[in-house]
PDB file of N, CA and C in Angstrom:
ATOM      1  N   LEU A   1      13.216 -13.552  10.214  1.00  0.00           N
ATOM      2  CA  LEU A   1      14.410 -14.143  10.788  1.00  0.00           C
ATOM      3  C   LEU A   1      14.092 -15.584  11.175  1.00  0.00           C
ATOM      4  N   GLY A   2      14.505 -16.488  10.352  1.00  0.00           N
ATOM      5  CA  GLY A   2      14.224 -17.890  10.596  1.00  0.00           C
ATOM      6  C   GLY A   2      15.006 -18.446  11.772  1.00  0.00           C
ATOM      7  N   ALA A   3      14.344 -19.180  12.637  1.00  0.00           N
ATOM      8  CA  ALA A   3      14.977 -19.745  13.826  1.00  0.00           C
ATOM      9  C   ALA A   3      16.043 -20.770  13.466  1.00  0.00           C
ATOM     10  N   ARG A   4      15.915 -21.384  12.323  1.00  0.00           N
ATOM     11  CA  ARG A   4      16.903 -22.383  11.913  1.00  0.00           C
ATOM     12  C   ARG A   4      18.112 -21.743  11.247  1.00  0.00           C
ATOM     13  N   VAL A   5      18.006 -20.471  10.909  1.00  0.00           N
ATOM     14  CA  VAL A   5      19.085 -19.782  10.208  1.00  0.00           C
ATOM     15  C   VAL A   5      19.846 -18.855  11.140  1.00  0.00           C
ATOM     16  N   ILE A   6      19.126 -18.155  12.006  1.00  0.00           N
ATOM     17  CA  ILE A   6      19.728 -17.164  12.903  1.00  0.00           C
ATOM     18  C   ILE A   6      19.418 -17.562  14.339  1.00  0.00           C
ATOM     19  N   GLY A   7      20.439 -17.607  15.168  1.00  0.00           N
ATOM     20  CA  GLY A   7      20.249 -17.950  16.568  1.00  0.00           C
ATOM     21  C   GLY A   7      19.532 -16.843  17.328  1.00  0.00           C
ATOM     22  N   PRO A   8      19.005 -17.152  18.506  1.00  0.00           N
ATOM     23  CA  PRO A   8      18.228 -16.174  19.270  1.00  0.00           C
ATOM     24  C   PRO A   8      19.029 -14.935  19.675  1.00  0.00           C
ATOM     25  N   GLU A   9      20.275 -15.091  20.027  1.00  0.00           N
ATOM     26  CA  GLU A   9      21.069 -13.928  20.444  1.00  0.00           C
ATOM     27  C   GLU A   9      21.350 -12.998  19.273  1.00  0.00           C
ATOM     28  N   LEU A  10      21.664 -13.561  18.116  1.00  0.00           N
ATOM     29  CA  LEU A  10      21.879 -12.736  16.929  1.00  0.00           C
ATOM     30  C   LEU A  10      20.578 -12.048  16.525  1.00  0.00           C
ATOM     31  N   ALA A  11      19.461 -12.753  16.609  1.00  0.00           N
ATOM     32  CA  ALA A  11      18.162 -12.157  16.287  1.00  0.00           C
ATOM     33  C   ALA A  11      17.868 -10.978  17.209  1.00  0.00           C
ATOM     34  N   LYS A  12      18.143 -11.120  18.497  1.00  0.00           N
ATOM     35  CA  LYS A  12      17.932 -10.015  19.448  1.00  0.00           C
ATOM     36  C   LYS A  12      18.815  -8.820  19.101  1.00  0.00           C
ATOM     37  N   THR A  13      20.051  -9.089  18.734  1.00  0.00           N
ATOM     38  CA  THR A  13      20.970  -8.007  18.359  1.00  0.00           C
ATOM     39  C   THR A  13      20.469  -7.278  17.117  1.00  0.00           C
ATOM     40  N   ILE A  14      20.019  -8.028  16.125  1.00  0.00           N
ATOM     41  CA  ILE A  14      19.499  -7.418  14.898  1.00  0.00           C
ATOM     42  C   ILE A  14      18.280  -6.559  15.201  1.00  0.00           C
ATOM     43  N   VAL A  15      17.365  -7.064  16.002  1.00  0.00           N
ATOM     44  CA  VAL A  15      16.158  -6.304  16.358  1.00  0.00           C
ATOM     45  C   VAL A  15      16.525  -5.060  17.151  1.00  0.00           C
ATOM     46  N   ASP A  16      17.447  -5.172  18.090  1.00  0.00           N
ATOM     47  CA  ASP A  16      17.882  -4.002  18.865  1.00  0.00           C
ATOM     48  C   ASP A  16      18.436  -2.915  17.953  1.00  0.00           C
ATOM     49  N   HIS A  17      19.257  -3.293  16.996  1.00  0.00           N
ATOM     50  CA  HIS A  17      19.822  -2.315  16.059  1.00  0.00           C
ATOM     51  C   HIS A  17      18.734  -1.704  15.175  1.00  0.00           C
ATOM     52  N   PHE A  18      17.802  -2.533  14.733  1.00  0.00           N
ATOM     53  CA  PHE A  18      16.707  -2.038  13.894  1.00  0.00           C
ATOM     54  C   PHE A  18      15.868  -1.020  14.655  1.00  0.00           C
ATOM     55  N   LEU A  19      15.498  -1.342  15.889  1.00  0.00           N
ATOM     56  CA  LEU A  19      14.655  -0.441  16.680  1.00  0.00           C
ATOM     57  C   LEU A  19      15.384   0.837  17.072  1.00  0.00           C
ATOM     58  N   ALA A  20      16.697   0.782  17.179  1.00  0.00           N
ATOM     59  CA  ALA A  20      17.477   1.962  17.557  1.00  0.00           C
ATOM     60  C   ALA A  20      17.819   2.844  16.359  1.00  0.00           C
ATOM     61  N   SER A  21      17.589   2.341  15.152  1.00  0.00           N
ATOM     62  CA  SER A  21      17.966   3.110  13.962  1.00  0.00           C
ATOM     63  C   SER A  21      16.979   4.243  13.702  1.00  0.00           C
ATOM     64  N   HIS A  22      17.456   5.251  12.979  1.00  0.00           N
ATOM     65  CA  HIS A  22      16.648   6.426  12.643  1.00  0.00           C
ATOM     66  C   HIS A  22      15.888   6.163  11.348  1.00  0.00           C
ATOM     67  N   PHE A  23      14.599   6.478  11.344  1.00  0.00           N
ATOM     68  CA  PHE A  23      13.788   6.340  10.137  1.00  0.00           C
ATOM     69  C   PHE A  23      13.998   7.576   9.282  1.00  0.00           C
ATOM     70  N   SER A  24      14.532   7.394   8.086  1.00  0.00           N
ATOM     71  CA  SER A  24      14.870   8.535   7.235  1.00  0.00           C
ATOM     72  C   SER A  24      13.757   8.906   6.266  1.00  0.00           C
ATOM     73  N   GLY A  25      12.627   8.267   6.359  1.00  0.00           N
ATOM     74  CA  GLY A  25      11.511   8.609   5.477  1.00  0.00           C
ATOM     75  C   GLY A  25      11.572   7.837   4.187  1.00  0.00           C
ATOM     76  N   GLY A  26      11.908   8.527   3.129  1.00  0.00           N
ATOM     77  CA  GLY A  26      12.001   7.868   1.830  1.00  0.00           C
ATOM     78  C   GLY A  26      10.631   7.526   1.278  1.00  0.00           C
ATOM     79  N   ASN A  27      10.572   6.443   0.523  1.00  0.00           N
ATOM     80  CA  ASN A  27       9.332   6.042  -0.142  1.00  0.00           C
ATOM     81  C   ASN A  27       8.235   5.627   0.829  1.00  0.00           C
ATOM     82  N   SER A  28       8.589   5.256   2.039  1.00  0.00           N
ATOM     83  CA  SER A  28       7.607   4.760   2.997  1.00  0.00           C
ATOM     84  C   SER A  28       6.995   5.848   3.866  1.00  0.00           C
ATOM     85  N   ALA A  29       7.479   7.066   3.801  1.00  0.00           N
ATOM     86  CA  ALA A  29       7.028   8.126   4.704  1.00  0.00           C
ATOM     87  C   ALA A  29       5.524   8.363   4.612  1.00  0.00           C
ATOM     88  N   LYS A  30       4.965   8.409   3.407  1.00  0.00           N
ATOM     89  CA  LYS A  30       3.524   8.640   3.249  1.00  0.00           C
ATOM     90  C   LYS A  30       2.719   7.500   3.857  1.00  0.00           C
ATOM     91  N   LYS A  31       3.195   6.281   3.674  1.00  0.00           N
ATOM     92  CA  LYS A  31       2.499   5.119   4.216  1.00  0.00           C
ATOM     93  C   LYS A  31       2.536   5.130   5.738  1.00  0.00           C
ATOM     94  N   VAL A  32       3.687   5.456   6.296  1.00  0.00           N
ATOM     95  CA  VAL A  32       3.819   5.516   7.754  1.00  0.00           C
ATOM     96  C   VAL A  32       2.923   6.615   8.311  1.00  0.00           C
ATOM     97  N   ASP A  33       2.862   7.771   7.646  1.00  0.00           N
ATOM     98  CA  ASP A  33       1.984   8.861   8.080  1.00  0.00           C
ATOM     99  C   ASP A  33       0.517   8.437   8.034  1.00  0.00           C
ATOM    100  N   ALA A  34       0.118   7.716   6.997  1.00  0.00           N
ATOM    101  CA  ALA A  34      -1.260   7.251   6.880  1.00  0.00           C
ATOM    102  C   ALA A  34      -1.602   6.274   7.998  1.00  0.00           C
ATOM    103  N   ILE A  35      -0.691   5.376   8.320  1.00  0.00           N
ATOM    104  CA  ILE A  35      -0.912   4.427   9.411  1.00  0.00           C
ATOM    105  C   ILE A  35      -1.002   5.163  10.736  1.00  0.00           C
ATOM    106  N   THR A  36      -0.128   6.143  10.949  1.00  0.00           N
ATOM    107  CA  THR A  36      -0.145   6.930  12.185  1.00  0.00           C
ATOM    108  C   THR A  36      -1.464   7.674  12.334  1.00  0.00           C
ATOM    109  N   ASP A  37      -1.952   8.295  11.259  1.00  0.00           N
ATOM    110  CA  ASP A  37      -3.238   8.997  11.300  1.00  0.00           C
ATOM    111  C   ASP A  37      -4.377   8.037  11.615  1.00  0.00           C
ATOM    112  N   TYR A  38      -4.373   6.874  10.984  1.00  0.00           N
ATOM    113  CA  TYR A  38      -5.403   5.865  11.230  1.00  0.00           C
ATOM    114  C   TYR A  38      -5.396   5.430  12.693  1.00  0.00           C
ATOM    115  N   GLU A  39      -4.211   5.150  13.231  1.00  0.00           N
ATOM    116  CA  GLU A  39      -4.110   4.730  14.630  1.00  0.00           C
ATOM    117  C   GLU A  39      -4.578   5.834  15.564  1.00  0.00           C
ATOM    118  N   ARG A  40      -4.239   7.068  15.260  1.00  0.00           N
ATOM    119  CA  ARG A  40      -4.648   8.196  16.087  1.00  0.00           C
ATOM    120  C   ARG A  40      -6.180   8.303  16.110  1.00  0.00           C
ATOM    121  N   GLN A  41      -6.812   8.132  14.966  1.00  0.00           N
ATOM    122  CA  GLN A  41      -8.271   8.208  14.890  1.00  0.00           C
ATOM    123  C   GLN A  41      -8.921   7.046  15.631  1.00  0.00           C
ATOM    124  N   ARG A  42      -8.348   5.865  15.525  1.00  0.00           N
ATOM    125  CA  ARG A  42      -8.905   4.690  16.214  1.00  0.00           C
ATOM    126  C   ARG A  42      -8.770   4.811  17.725  1.00  0.00           C
ATOM    127  N   ASN A  43      -7.691   5.413  18.197  1.00  0.00           N
ATOM    128  CA  ASN A  43      -7.446   5.532  19.628  1.00  0.00           C
ATOM    129  C   ASN A  43      -8.116   6.746  20.244  1.00  0.00           C
ATOM    130  N   ASN A  44      -8.429   7.759  19.439  1.00  0.00           N
ATOM    131  CA  ASN A  44      -9.068   8.984  19.922  1.00  0.00           C
ATOM    132  C   ASN A  44     -10.226   9.342  19.001  1.00  0.00           C
ATOM    133  N   PRO A  45     -11.319   8.566  19.034  1.00  0.00           N
ATOM    134  CA  PRO A  45     -12.406   8.826  18.091  1.00  0.00           C
ATOM    135  C   PRO A  45     -13.034  10.206  18.252  1.00  0.00           C
ATOM    136  N   SER A  46     -12.948  10.812  19.419  1.00  0.00           N
ATOM    137  CA  SER A  46     -13.523  12.143  19.604  1.00  0.00           C
ATOM    138  C   SER A  46     -12.721  13.206  18.870  1.00  0.00           C
ATOM    139  N   ASP A  47     -11.468  12.912  18.524  1.00  0.00           N
ATOM    140  CA  ASP A  47     -10.637  13.861  17.786  1.00  0.00           C
ATOM    141  C   ASP A  47     -10.843  13.746  16.278  1.00  0.00           C
ATOM    142  N   SER A  48     -11.574  12.737  15.843  1.00  0.00           N
ATOM    143  CA  SER A  48     -11.755  12.485  14.422  1.00  0.00           C
ATOM    144  C   SER A  48     -12.744  13.462  13.810  1.00  0.00           C
ATOM    145  N   ALA A  49     -12.534  13.808  12.552  1.00  0.00           N
ATOM    146  CA  ALA A  49     -13.455  14.693  11.839  1.00  0.00           C
ATOM    147  C   ALA A  49     -14.795  14.005  11.616  1.00  0.00           C
ATOM    148  N   ASP A  50     -14.827  12.668  11.653  1.00  0.00           N
ATOM    149  CA  ASP A  50     -16.059  11.920  11.432  1.00  0.00           C
ATOM    150  C   ASP A  50     -16.881  11.750  12.702  1.00  0.00           C
ATOM    151  N   ALA A  51     -16.338  12.143  13.834  1.00  0.00           N
ATOM    152  CA  ALA A  51     -17.040  11.971  15.102  1.00  0.00           C
ATOM    153  C   ALA A  51     -18.214  12.940  15.181  1.00  0.00           C
ATOM    154  N   PRO A  52     -19.337  12.489  15.744  1.00  0.00           N
ATOM    155  CA  PRO A  52     -20.487  13.387  15.888  1.00  0.00           C
ATOM    156  C   PRO A  52     -20.164  14.558  16.804  1.00  0.00           C
ATOM    157  N   GLN A  53     -20.667  15.704  16.449  1.00  0.00           N
ATOM    158  CA  GLN A  53     -20.446  16.909  17.250  1.00  0.00           C
ATOM    159  C   GLN A  53     -21.550  17.040  18.284  1.00  0.00           C
ATOM    160  N   ALA A  54     -21.207  17.400  19.495  1.00  0.00           N
ATOM    161  CA  ALA A  54     -22.188  17.540  20.584  1.00  0.00           C
ATOM    162  C   ALA A  54     -22.795  18.920  20.595  1.00  0.00           C
TER     163      ALA A  54
END
């Protein structure tokens, strides 16, 4: 959203609508799942299968 093309109030409205919308999956679902798994492993390394067992 270019600042010279879209004003700040319109940009906020567009972002609000985007964030409030429902993600229907589609072609991106596998990619989103992979990113979610990666983030989960990075944030909880003890839950990872690669973590050393005590």
